[in-house]
């Protein structure tokens, strides 16, 4: 995976529109959501027994007037864990860790770094384990 495969998406949700919506749509209660190409509205329903979909327009007015969402900005550099930060964690844990476990921790750290430096970039590690 390369960093340019990921994008930073802007939030164009209108909280004003969502707060005025009755009944207020809550993602936790939705069982089915439908988006149609070319439409800026979202259709949803809260129960499977209900055949009717509720329709919500939640995009800001500025974007609706322009008629199109702006392109997202690509990620240019990985957002992984810095090696100095990793070393600081191990150093701080060493102070509170009993002596017999510190040797285990250092051997684990070296094998962990060896595996991930050859297999994954920091960005891939972040997406795999977050």
Protein backbone atom coordinates (compact mmCIF):
# COMPACT_ATOMS: atom_id res chain seq x y z
CA UNK A 1 0.00 0.00 0.00
CA UNK A 2 1.19 3.45 -0.86
CA UNK A 3 0.19 6.62 1.00
CA UNK A 4 -1.32 8.12 -2.16
CA UNK A 5 -3.94 5.34 -2.12
CA UNK A 6 -5.57 7.06 0.87
CA UNK A 7 -7.44 10.36 0.94
CA UNK A 8 -8.35 13.04 3.47
CA UNK A 9 -12.09 13.57 3.09
CA UNK A 10 -13.63 16.88 4.11
CA UNK A 11 -16.88 16.82 6.08
CA UNK A 12 -19.64 18.61 4.19
CA UNK A 13 -22.40 17.56 6.57
CA UNK A 14 -24.82 20.28 7.61
CA UNK A 15 -25.41 19.91 11.35
CA UNK A 16 -28.13 22.54 11.04
CA UNK A 17 -30.09 20.38 8.60
CA UNK A 18 -29.59 17.22 10.65
CA UNK A 19 -30.71 18.88 13.90
CA UNK A 20 -33.94 20.13 12.24
CA UNK A 21 -34.76 16.71 10.76
CA UNK A 22 -37.75 14.94 12.38
CA UNK A 23 -37.36 12.13 13.22
CA UNK A 24 -33.67 12.78 13.65
CA UNK A 25 -31.64 10.14 11.78
CA UNK A 26 -29.30 8.10 14.01
CA UNK A 27 -26.87 5.68 12.42
CA UNK A 28 -27.28 3.29 15.34
CA UNK A 29 -30.98 2.80 14.54
CA UNK A 30 -30.65 2.42 10.76
CA UNK A 31 -31.00 -1.04 9.27
CA UNK A 32 -30.68 -0.11 5.59
CA UNK A 33 -29.17 2.91 3.81
CA UNK A 34 -29.46 3.66 0.09
CA UNK A 35 -27.45 6.18 -1.93
CA UNK A 36 -28.19 6.76 -5.60
CA UNK A 37 -25.65 7.96 -8.13
CA UNK A 38 -26.27 11.58 -9.08
CA UNK A 39 -28.36 12.31 -6.00
CA UNK A 40 -27.18 14.12 -2.88
CA UNK A 41 -29.92 12.62 -0.73
CA UNK A 42 -29.66 9.59 1.52
CA UNK A 43 -32.56 7.18 1.96
CA UNK A 44 -32.77 5.02 5.07
CA UNK A 45 -35.14 2.95 7.13
CA UNK A 46 -35.09 1.96 10.78
CA UNK A 47 -36.99 -1.33 10.57
CA UNK A 48 -37.09 -4.11 8.02
CA UNK A 49 -40.89 -4.28 8.29
CA UNK A 50 -41.23 -0.69 7.05
CA UNK A 51 -41.36 -0.57 3.24
CA UNK A 52 -41.03 3.21 3.09
CA UNK A 53 -37.62 4.89 3.13
CA UNK A 54 -37.02 8.19 4.91
CA UNK A 55 -35.14 10.65 2.71
CA UNK A 56 -32.53 13.01 4.17
CA UNK A 57 -30.65 15.88 2.57
CA UNK A 58 -27.65 16.44 4.85
CA UNK A 59 -25.13 18.15 2.54
CA UNK A 60 -24.28 21.83 3.12
CA UNK A 61 -25.98 24.41 0.90
CA UNK A 62 -22.66 25.63 -0.54
CA UNK A 63 -21.88 22.18 -1.96
CA UNK A 64 -25.44 21.71 -3.21
CA UNK A 65 -25.28 25.01 -5.12
CA UNK A 66 -21.98 24.08 -6.74
CA UNK A 67 -23.51 20.74 -7.79
CA UNK A 68 -20.44 18.63 -7.09
CA UNK A 69 -18.26 17.51 -4.20
CA UNK A 70 -14.67 18.77 -4.36
CA UNK A 71 -12.00 16.14 -4.89
CA UNK A 72 -10.45 14.80 -1.69
CA UNK A 73 -6.80 15.56 -0.95
CA UNK A 74 -4.48 12.55 -1.23
CA UNK A 75 -2.25 11.57 1.67
CA UNK A 76 1.32 12.38 0.64
CA UNK A 77 3.30 10.87 3.50
CA UNK A 78 2.64 7.95 5.86
CA UNK A 79 1.14 8.66 9.27
CA UNK A 80 2.92 5.80 11.00
CA UNK A 81 4.61 5.53 14.36
CA UNK A 82 7.95 7.31 14.60
CA UNK A 83 10.88 5.11 15.71
CA UNK A 84 11.88 7.56 18.47
CA UNK A 85 8.38 7.36 19.88
CA UNK A 86 8.60 3.54 19.90
CA UNK A 87 11.95 3.72 21.71
CA UNK A 88 10.50 6.11 24.30
CA UNK A 89 7.65 3.70 25.04
CA UNK A 90 10.05 0.80 25.54
CA UNK A 91 12.35 2.95 27.69
CA UNK A 92 9.47 4.12 29.92
CA UNK A 93 8.06 0.60 30.22
CA UNK A 94 11.51 -0.66 31.22
CA UNK A 95 11.39 1.51 34.34
CA UNK A 96 8.20 -0.07 35.63
CA UNK A 97 8.69 -3.59 34.22
CA UNK A 98 10.24 -6.31 36.43
CA UNK A 99 13.81 -7.37 35.52
CA UNK A 100 12.96 -10.83 34.16
CA UNK A 101 10.52 -9.37 31.63
CA UNK A 102 12.82 -6.63 30.33
CA UNK A 103 15.02 -9.09 28.40
CA UNK A 104 11.91 -10.65 26.89
CA UNK A 105 10.71 -7.18 25.88
CA UNK A 106 13.98 -6.26 24.15
CA UNK A 107 14.07 -9.54 22.20
CA UNK A 108 10.43 -9.06 21.24
CA UNK A 109 11.12 -5.47 20.15
CA UNK A 110 13.99 -6.49 17.87
CA UNK A 111 12.02 -9.34 16.24
CA UNK A 112 8.96 -7.09 15.96
CA UNK A 113 10.97 -4.34 14.24
CA UNK A 114 12.69 -6.84 11.96
CA UNK A 115 9.37 -8.32 10.84
CA UNK A 116 7.55 -5.04 10.29
CA UNK A 117 10.44 -3.21 8.66
CA UNK A 118 10.59 -5.86 5.97
CA UNK A 119 6.87 -6.53 5.59
CA UNK A 120 4.92 -3.32 6.16
CA UNK A 121 5.35 0.40 6.06
CA UNK A 122 4.27 2.39 9.10
CA UNK A 123 1.09 3.41 7.27
CA UNK A 124 0.12 -0.21 6.64
CA UNK A 125 0.87 -1.06 10.27
CA UNK A 126 -1.42 1.77 11.39
CA UNK A 127 -4.31 0.58 9.22
CA UNK A 128 -3.85 -3.08 10.13
CA UNK A 129 -3.74 -2.63 13.89
CA UNK A 130 -5.98 0.36 14.53
